[in-house]
Amino acid sequence: ESGGGLVQAGGSLRLSCAASGRTFS
């Protein structure tokens, strides 16, 4: 995961989750 942080109420954030390995199933 990445993209976390500190933000004020009412604001926005976008988190990412990058996968590797056996993702075909």
mmCIF file of all heavy atoms, coordinates in Angstrom:
data_MODEL
# 
_entry.id   MODEL 
# 
loop_
_atom_site.group_PDB 
_atom_site.id 
_atom_site.type_symbol 
_atom_site.label_atom_id 
_atom_site.label_alt_id 
_atom_site.label_comp_id 
_atom_site.label_asym_id 
_atom_site.label_entity_id 
_atom_site.label_seq_id 
_atom_site.pdbx_PDB_ins_code 
_atom_site.Cartn_x 
_atom_site.Cartn_y 
_atom_site.Cartn_z 
_atom_site.occupancy 
_atom_site.B_iso_or_equiv 
_atom_site.pdbx_formal_charge 
_atom_site.auth_seq_id 
_atom_site.auth_comp_id 
_atom_site.auth_asym_id 
_atom_site.auth_atom_id 
_atom_site.pdbx_PDB_model_num 
ATOM 1   N N   . GLU A 1 1  ? 0.836   -1.198  0.000   1.00 0.00 ? 1  GLU A N   1 
ATOM 2   C CA  . GLU A 1 1  ? 0.000   0.000   0.000   1.00 0.00 ? 1  GLU A CA  1 
ATOM 3   C C   . GLU A 1 1  ? 0.870   1.248   0.000   1.00 0.00 ? 1  GLU A C   1 
ATOM 4   O O   . GLU A 1 1  ? 1.988   1.244   0.515   1.00 0.00 ? 1  GLU A O   1 
ATOM 5   C CB  . GLU A 1 1  ? -0.919  0.044   1.229   1.00 0.00 ? 1  GLU A CB  1 
ATOM 6   C CG  . GLU A 1 1  ? -1.850  -1.139  1.378   1.00 0.00 ? 1  GLU A CG  1 
ATOM 7   C CD  . GLU A 1 1  ? -1.320  -2.172  2.343   1.00 0.00 ? 1  GLU A CD  1 
ATOM 8   O OE1 . GLU A 1 1  ? -0.086  -2.276  2.495   1.00 0.00 ? 1  GLU A OE1 1 
ATOM 9   O OE2 . GLU A 1 1  ? -2.140  -2.884  2.950   1.00 0.00 ? 1  GLU A OE2 1 
ATOM 10  N N   . SER A 1 2  ? 0.320   2.318   -0.541  1.00 0.00 ? 2  SER A N   1 
ATOM 11  C CA  . SER A 1 2  ? 0.975   3.611   -0.491  1.00 0.00 ? 2  SER A CA  1 
ATOM 12  C C   . SER A 1 2  ? -0.084  4.700   -0.592  1.00 0.00 ? 2  SER A C   1 
ATOM 13  O O   . SER A 1 2  ? -1.228  4.431   -0.952  1.00 0.00 ? 2  SER A O   1 
ATOM 14  C CB  . SER A 1 2  ? 2.012   3.758   -1.604  1.00 0.00 ? 2  SER A CB  1 
ATOM 15  O OG  . SER A 1 2  ? 1.404   3.674   -2.882  1.00 0.00 ? 2  SER A OG  1 
ATOM 16  N N   . GLY A 1 3  ? 0.299   5.917   -0.281  1.00 0.00 ? 3  GLY A N   1 
ATOM 17  C CA  . GLY A 1 3  ? -0.583  7.056   -0.456  1.00 0.00 ? 3  GLY A CA  1 
ATOM 18  C C   . GLY A 1 3  ? -1.181  7.622   0.810   1.00 0.00 ? 3  GLY A C   1 
ATOM 19  O O   . GLY A 1 3  ? -1.882  8.641   0.758   1.00 0.00 ? 3  GLY A O   1 
ATOM 20  N N   . GLY A 1 4  ? -0.935  6.991   1.945   1.00 0.00 ? 4  GLY A N   1 
ATOM 21  C CA  . GLY A 1 4  ? -1.460  7.507   3.189   1.00 0.00 ? 4  GLY A CA  1 
ATOM 22  C C   . GLY A 1 4  ? -0.774  8.794   3.596   1.00 0.00 ? 4  GLY A C   1 
ATOM 23  O O   . GLY A 1 4  ? 0.255   9.178   3.050   1.00 0.00 ? 4  GLY A O   1 
ATOM 24  N N   . GLY A 1 5  ? -1.370  9.469   4.575   1.00 0.00 ? 5  GLY A N   1 
ATOM 25  C CA  . GLY A 1 5  ? -0.801  10.717  5.052   1.00 0.00 ? 5  GLY A CA  1 
ATOM 26  C C   . GLY A 1 5  ? -1.762  11.460  5.943   1.00 0.00 ? 5  GLY A C   1 
ATOM 27  O O   . GLY A 1 5  ? -2.763  10.912  6.405   1.00 0.00 ? 5  GLY A O   1 
ATOM 28  N N   . LEU A 1 6  ? -1.447  12.716  6.180   1.00 0.00 ? 6  LEU A N   1 
ATOM 29  C CA  . LEU A 1 6  ? -2.250  13.602  7.019   1.00 0.00 ? 6  LEU A CA  1 
ATOM 30  C C   . LEU A 1 6  ? -3.041  14.551  6.139   1.00 0.00 ? 6  LEU A C   1 
ATOM 31  O O   . LEU A 1 6  ? -2.488  15.186  5.236   1.00 0.00 ? 6  LEU A O   1 
ATOM 32  C CB  . LEU A 1 6  ? -1.344  14.392  7.963   1.00 0.00 ? 6  LEU A CB  1 
ATOM 33  C CG  . LEU A 1 6  ? -1.991  15.452  8.837   1.00 0.00 ? 6  LEU A CG  1 
ATOM 34  C CD1 . LEU A 1 6  ? -2.970  14.811  9.817   1.00 0.00 ? 6  LEU A CD1 1 
ATOM 35  C CD2 . LEU A 1 6  ? -0.915  16.234  9.576   1.00 0.00 ? 6  LEU A CD2 1 
ATOM 36  N N   . VAL A 1 7  ? -4.335  14.641  6.404   1.00 0.00 ? 7  VAL A N   1 
ATOM 37  C CA  . VAL A 1 7  ? -5.207  15.502  5.614   1.00 0.00 ? 7  VAL A CA  1 
ATOM 38  C C   . VAL A 1 7  ? -6.249  16.134  6.536   1.00 0.00 ? 7  VAL A C   1 
ATOM 39  O O   . VAL A 1 7  ? -6.636  15.548  7.550   1.00 0.00 ? 7  VAL A O   1 
ATOM 40  C CB  . VAL A 1 7  ? -5.876  14.703  4.472   1.00 0.00 ? 7  VAL A CB  1 
ATOM 41  C CG1 . VAL A 1 7  ? -6.805  13.624  5.031   1.00 0.00 ? 7  VAL A CG1 1 
ATOM 42  C CG2 . VAL A 1 7  ? -6.618  15.622  3.517   1.00 0.00 ? 7  VAL A CG2 1 
ATOM 43  N N   . GLN A 1 8  ? -6.696  17.321  6.198   1.00 0.00 ? 8  GLN A N   1 
ATOM 44  C CA  . GLN A 1 8  ? -7.741  17.987  6.971   1.00 0.00 ? 8  GLN A CA  1 
ATOM 45  C C   . GLN A 1 8  ? -9.108  17.405  6.655   1.00 0.00 ? 8  GLN A C   1 
ATOM 46  O O   . GLN A 1 8  ? -9.340  16.871  5.568   1.00 0.00 ? 8  GLN A O   1 
ATOM 47  C CB  . GLN A 1 8  ? -7.751  19.486  6.683   1.00 0.00 ? 8  GLN A CB  1 
ATOM 48  C CG  . GLN A 1 8  ? -6.534  20.227  7.193   1.00 0.00 ? 8  GLN A CG  1 
ATOM 49  C CD  . GLN A 1 8  ? -6.639  21.730  6.991   1.00 0.00 ? 8  GLN A CD  1 
ATOM 50  O OE1 . GLN A 1 8  ? -7.393  22.200  6.139   1.00 0.00 ? 8  GLN A OE1 1 
ATOM 51  N NE2 . GLN A 1 8  ? -5.896  22.485  7.771   1.00 0.00 ? 8  GLN A NE2 1 
ATOM 52  N N   . ALA A 1 9  ? -10.013 17.499  7.620   1.00 0.00 ? 9  ALA A N   1 
ATOM 53  C CA  . ALA A 1 9  ? -11.388 17.061  7.397   1.00 0.00 ? 9  ALA A CA  1 
ATOM 54  C C   . ALA A 1 9  ? -11.962 17.742  6.162   1.00 0.00 ? 9  ALA A C   1 
ATOM 55  O O   . ALA A 1 9  ? -11.773 18.943  5.951   1.00 0.00 ? 9  ALA A O   1 
ATOM 56  C CB  . ALA A 1 9  ? -12.240 17.357  8.619   1.00 0.00 ? 9  ALA A CB  1 
ATOM 57  N N   . GLY A 1 10 ? -12.657 16.957  5.351   1.00 0.00 ? 10 GLY A N   1 
ATOM 58  C CA  . GLY A 1 10 ? -13.198 17.450  4.102   1.00 0.00 ? 10 GLY A CA  1 
ATOM 59  C C   . GLY A 1 10 ? -12.293 17.260  2.914   1.00 0.00 ? 10 GLY A C   1 
ATOM 60  O O   . GLY A 1 10 ? -12.731 17.437  1.768   1.00 0.00 ? 10 GLY A O   1 
ATOM 61  N N   . GLY A 1 11 ? -11.054 16.881  3.166   1.00 0.00 ? 11 GLY A N   1 
ATOM 62  C CA  . GLY A 1 11 ? -10.093 16.693  2.098   1.00 0.00 ? 11 GLY A CA  1 
ATOM 63  C C   . GLY A 1 11 ? -10.159 15.310  1.478   1.00 0.00 ? 11 GLY A C   1 
ATOM 64  O O   . GLY A 1 11 ? -11.035 14.505  1.800   1.00 0.00 ? 11 GLY A O   1 
ATOM 65  N N   . SER A 1 12 ? -9.202  15.040  0.603   1.00 0.00 ? 12 SER A N   1 
ATOM 66  C CA  . SER A 1 12 ? -9.179  13.794  -0.153  1.00 0.00 ? 12 SER A CA  1 
ATOM 67  C C   . SER A 1 12 ? -7.800  13.163  -0.144  1.00 0.00 ? 12 SER A C   1 
ATOM 68  O O   . SER A 1 12 ? -6.783  13.848  -0.020  1.00 0.00 ? 12 SER A O   1 
ATOM 69  C CB  . SER A 1 12 ? -9.587  14.035  -1.614  1.00 0.00 ? 12 SER A CB  1 
ATOM 70  O OG  . SER A 1 12 ? -10.898 14.543  -1.715  1.00 0.00 ? 12 SER A OG  1 
ATOM 71  N N   . LEU A 1 13 ? -7.775  11.852  -0.271  1.00 0.00 ? 13 LEU A N   1 
ATOM 72  C CA  . LEU A 1 13 ? -6.556  11.079  -0.450  1.00 0.00 ? 13 LEU A CA  1 
ATOM 73  C C   . LEU A 1 13 ? -6.853  9.934   -1.398  1.00 0.00 ? 13 LEU A C   1 
ATOM 74  O O   . LEU A 1 13 ? -7.986  9.453   -1.455  1.00 0.00 ? 13 LEU A O   1 
ATOM 75  C CB  . LEU A 1 13 ? -6.044  10.500  0.868   1.00 0.00 ? 13 LEU A CB  1 
ATOM 76  C CG  . LEU A 1 13 ? -5.269  11.391  1.832   1.00 0.00 ? 13 LEU A CG  1 
ATOM 77  C CD1 . LEU A 1 13 ? -4.978  10.613  3.109   1.00 0.00 ? 13 LEU A CD1 1 
ATOM 78  C CD2 . LEU A 1 13 ? -3.979  11.886  1.203   1.00 0.00 ? 13 LEU A CD2 1 
ATOM 79  N N   . ARG A 1 14 ? -5.835  9.485   -2.112  1.00 0.00 ? 14 ARG A N   1 
ATOM 80  C CA  . ARG A 1 14 ? -5.953  8.286   -2.925  1.00 0.00 ? 14 ARG A CA  1 
ATOM 81  C C   . ARG A 1 14 ? -4.892  7.287   -2.505  1.00 0.00 ? 14 ARG A C   1 
ATOM 82  O O   . ARG A 1 14 ? -3.695  7.581   -2.561  1.00 0.00 ? 14 ARG A O   1 
ATOM 83  C CB  . ARG A 1 14 ? -5.815  8.582   -4.419  1.00 0.00 ? 14 ARG A CB  1 
ATOM 84  C CG  . ARG A 1 14 ? -6.136  7.349   -5.277  1.00 0.00 ? 14 ARG A CG  1 
ATOM 85  C CD  . ARG A 1 14 ? -6.066  7.612   -6.763  1.00 0.00 ? 14 ARG A CD  1 
ATOM 86  N NE  . ARG A 1 14 ? -4.691  7.693   -7.243  1.00 0.00 ? 14 ARG A NE  1 
ATOM 87  C CZ  . ARG A 1 14 ? -4.334  7.516   -8.513  1.00 0.00 ? 14 ARG A CZ  1 
ATOM 88  N NH1 . ARG A 1 14 ? -5.252  7.262   -9.437  1.00 0.00 ? 14 ARG A NH1 1 
ATOM 89  N NH2 . ARG A 1 14 ? -3.058  7.627   -8.849  1.00 0.00 ? 14 ARG A NH2 1 
ATOM 90  N N   . LEU A 1 15 ? -5.339  6.121   -2.085  1.00 0.00 ? 15 LEU A N   1 
ATOM 91  C CA  . LEU A 1 15 ? -4.441  5.042   -1.713  1.00 0.00 ? 15 LEU A CA  1 
ATOM 92  C C   . LEU A 1 15 ? -4.248  4.097   -2.891  1.00 0.00 ? 15 LEU A C   1 
ATOM 93  O O   . LEU A 1 15 ? -5.158  3.899   -3.698  1.00 0.00 ? 15 LEU A O   1 
ATOM 94  C CB  . LEU A 1 15 ? -4.995  4.254   -0.524  1.00 0.00 ? 15 LEU A CB  1 
ATOM 95  C CG  . LEU A 1 15 ? -5.379  5.047   0.723   1.00 0.00 ? 15 LEU A CG  1 
ATOM 96  C CD1 . LEU A 1 15 ? -5.830  4.093   1.825   1.00 0.00 ? 15 LEU A CD1 1 
ATOM 97  C CD2 . LEU A 1 15 ? -4.225  5.921   1.186   1.00 0.00 ? 15 LEU A CD2 1 
ATOM 98  N N   . SER A 1 16 ? -3.061  3.506   -2.965  1.00 0.00 ? 16 SER A N   1 
ATOM 99  C CA  . SER A 1 16 ? -2.758  2.524   -3.994  1.00 0.00 ? 16 SER A CA  1 
ATOM 100 C C   . SER A 1 16 ? -2.345  1.218   -3.345  1.00 0.00 ? 16 SER A C   1 
ATOM 101 O O   . SER A 1 16 ? -1.766  1.203   -2.260  1.00 0.00 ? 16 SER A O   1 
ATOM 102 C CB  . SER A 1 16 ? -1.623  3.011   -4.897  1.00 0.00 ? 16 SER A CB  1 
ATOM 103 O OG  . SER A 1 16 ? -1.980  4.195   -5.574  1.00 0.00 ? 16 SER A OG  1 
ATOM 104 N N   . CYS A 1 17 ? -2.634  0.122   -4.018  1.00 0.00 ? 17 CYS A N   1 
ATOM 105 C CA  . CYS A 1 17 ? -2.218  -1.203  -3.576  1.00 0.00 ? 17 CYS A CA  1 
ATOM 106 C C   . CYS A 1 17 ? -1.674  -1.940  -4.781  1.00 0.00 ? 17 CYS A C   1 
ATOM 107 O O   . CYS A 1 17 ? -2.435  -2.332  -5.671  1.00 0.00 ? 17 CYS A O   1 
ATOM 108 C CB  . CYS A 1 17 ? -3.389  -1.962  -2.958  1.00 0.00 ? 17 CYS A CB  1 
ATOM 109 S SG  . CYS A 1 17 ? -3.011  -3.677  -2.525  1.00 0.00 ? 17 CYS A SG  1 
ATOM 110 N N   . ALA A 1 18 ? -0.360  -2.121  -4.816  1.00 0.00 ? 18 ALA A N   1 
ATOM 111 C CA  . ALA A 1 18 ? 0.302   -2.799  -5.919  1.00 0.00 ? 18 ALA A CA  1 
ATOM 112 C C   . ALA A 1 18 ? 0.519   -4.259  -5.575  1.00 0.00 ? 18 ALA A C   1 
ATOM 113 O O   . ALA A 1 18 ? 1.059   -4.574  -4.513  1.00 0.00 ? 18 ALA A O   1 
ATOM 114 C CB  . ALA A 1 18 ? 1.627   -2.125  -6.233  1.00 0.00 ? 18 ALA A CB  1 
ATOM 115 N N   . ALA A 1 19 ? 0.115   -5.152  -6.473  1.00 0.00 ? 19 ALA A N   1 
ATOM 116 C CA  . ALA A 1 19 ? 0.214   -6.585  -6.255  1.00 0.00 ? 19 ALA A CA  1 
ATOM 117 C C   . ALA A 1 19 ? 1.273   -7.196  -7.151  1.00 0.00 ? 19 ALA A C   1 
ATOM 118 O O   . ALA A 1 19 ? 1.450   -6.786  -8.300  1.00 0.00 ? 19 ALA A O   1 
ATOM 119 C CB  . ALA A 1 19 ? -1.129  -7.264  -6.508  1.00 0.00 ? 19 ALA A CB  1 
ATOM 120 N N   . SER A 1 20 ? 1.959   -8.191  -6.625  1.00 0.00 ? 20 SER A N   1 
ATOM 121 C CA  . SER A 1 20 ? 2.915   -8.962  -7.406  1.00 0.00 ? 20 SER A CA  1 
ATOM 122 C C   . SER A 1 20 ? 2.832   -10.421 -6.987  1.00 0.00 ? 20 SER A C   1 
ATOM 123 O O   . SER A 1 20 ? 2.230   -10.755 -5.969  1.00 0.00 ? 20 SER A O   1 
ATOM 124 C CB  . SER A 1 20 ? 4.335   -8.426  -7.234  1.00 0.00 ? 20 SER A CB  1 
ATOM 125 O OG  . SER A 1 20 ? 4.742   -8.513  -5.879  1.00 0.00 ? 20 SER A OG  1 
ATOM 126 N N   . GLY A 1 21 ? 3.440   -11.304 -7.779  1.00 0.00 ? 21 GLY A N   1 
ATOM 127 C CA  . GLY A 1 21 ? 3.378   -12.721 -7.500  1.00 0.00 ? 21 GLY A CA  1 
ATOM 128 C C   . GLY A 1 21 ? 2.266   -13.392 -8.295  1.00 0.00 ? 21 GLY A C   1 
ATOM 129 O O   . GLY A 1 21 ? 1.973   -12.987 -9.415  1.00 0.00 ? 21 GLY A O   1 
ATOM 130 N N   . ARG A 1 22 ? 1.617   -14.397 -7.699  1.00 0.00 ? 22 ARG A N   1 
ATOM 131 C CA  . ARG A 1 22 ? 0.583   -15.171 -8.381  1.00 0.00 ? 22 ARG A CA  1 
ATOM 132 C C   . ARG A 1 22 ? -0.755  -14.444 -8.347  1.00 0.00 ? 22 ARG A C   1 
ATOM 133 O O   . ARG A 1 22 ? -1.592  -14.686 -7.481  1.00 0.00 ? 22 ARG A O   1 
ATOM 134 C CB  . ARG A 1 22 ? 0.452   -16.557 -7.751  1.00 0.00 ? 22 ARG A CB  1 
ATOM 135 C CG  . ARG A 1 22 ? 1.676   -17.432 -7.950  1.00 0.00 ? 22 ARG A CG  1 
ATOM 136 C CD  . ARG A 1 22 ? 1.439   -18.826 -7.416  1.00 0.00 ? 22 ARG A CD  1 
ATOM 137 N NE  . ARG A 1 22 ? 2.570   -19.710 -7.671  1.00 0.00 ? 22 ARG A NE  1 
ATOM 138 C CZ  . ARG A 1 22 ? 2.610   -20.985 -7.356  1.00 0.00 ? 22 ARG A CZ  1 
ATOM 139 N NH1 . ARG A 1 22 ? 1.571   -21.545 -6.750  1.00 0.00 ? 22 ARG A NH1 1 
ATOM 140 N NH2 . ARG A 1 22 ? 3.690   -21.705 -7.628  1.00 0.00 ? 22 ARG A NH2 1 
ATOM 141 N N   . THR A 1 23 ? -0.943  -13.566 -9.308  1.00 0.00 ? 23 THR A N   1 
ATOM 142 C CA  . THR A 1 23 ? -2.167  -12.778 -9.381  1.00 0.00 ? 23 THR A CA  1 
ATOM 143 C C   . THR A 1 23 ? -3.167  -13.315 -10.401 1.00 0.00 ? 23 THR A C   1 
ATOM 144 O O   . THR A 1 23 ? -4.269  -12.778 -10.511 1.00 0.00 ? 23 THR A O   1 
ATOM 145 C CB  . THR A 1 23 ? -1.837  -11.320 -9.725  1.00 0.00 ? 23 THR A CB  1 
ATOM 146 O OG1 . THR A 1 23 ? -1.189  -11.262 -10.992 1.00 0.00 ? 23 THR A OG1 1 
ATOM 147 C CG2 . THR A 1 23 ? -0.922  -10.717 -8.671  1.00 0.00 ? 23 THR A CG2 1 
ATOM 148 N N   . PHE A 1 24 ? -2.810  -14.366 -11.128 1.00 0.00 ? 24 PHE A N   1 
ATOM 149 C CA  . PHE A 1 24 ? -3.649  -14.856 -12.210 1.00 0.00 ? 24 PHE A CA  1 
ATOM 150 C C   . PHE A 1 24 ? -4.947  -15.499 -11.725 1.00 0.00 ? 24 PHE A C   1 
ATOM 151 O O   . PHE A 1 24 ? -5.915  -15.575 -12.478 1.00 0.00 ? 24 PHE A O   1 
ATOM 152 C CB  . PHE A 1 24 ? -2.875  -15.840 -13.093 1.00 0.00 ? 24 PHE A CB  1 
ATOM 153 C CG  . PHE A 1 24 ? -2.295  -17.000 -12.350 1.00 0.00 ? 24 PHE A CG  1 
ATOM 154 C CD1 . PHE A 1 24 ? -3.039  -18.138 -12.109 1.00 0.00 ? 24 PHE A CD1 1 
ATOM 155 C CD2 . PHE A 1 24 ? -0.982  -16.956 -11.898 1.00 0.00 ? 24 PHE A CD2 1 
ATOM 156 C CE1 . PHE A 1 24 ? -2.496  -19.212 -11.424 1.00 0.00 ? 24 PHE A CE1 1 
ATOM 157 C CE2 . PHE A 1 24 ? -0.430  -18.020 -11.211 1.00 0.00 ? 24 PHE A CE2 1 
ATOM 158 C CZ  . PHE A 1 24 ? -1.199  -19.151 -10.974 1.00 0.00 ? 24 PHE A CZ  1 
ATOM 159 N N   . SER A 1 25 ? -4.979  -15.970 -10.503 1.00 0.00 ? 25 SER A N   1 
ATOM 160 C CA  . SER A 1 25 ? -6.163  -16.629 -9.959  1.00 0.00 ? 25 SER A CA  1 
ATOM 161 C C   . SER A 1 25 ? -6.969  -15.729 -9.018  1.00 0.00 ? 25 SER A C   1 
ATOM 162 O O   . SER A 1 25 ? -7.795  -16.215 -8.252  1.00 0.00 ? 25 SER A O   1 
ATOM 163 C CB  . SER A 1 25 ? -5.761  -17.910 -9.227  1.00 0.00 ? 25 SER A CB  1 
ATOM 164 O OG  . SER A 1 25 ? -4.889  -17.621 -8.141  1.00 0.00 ? 25 SER A OG  1 
# 
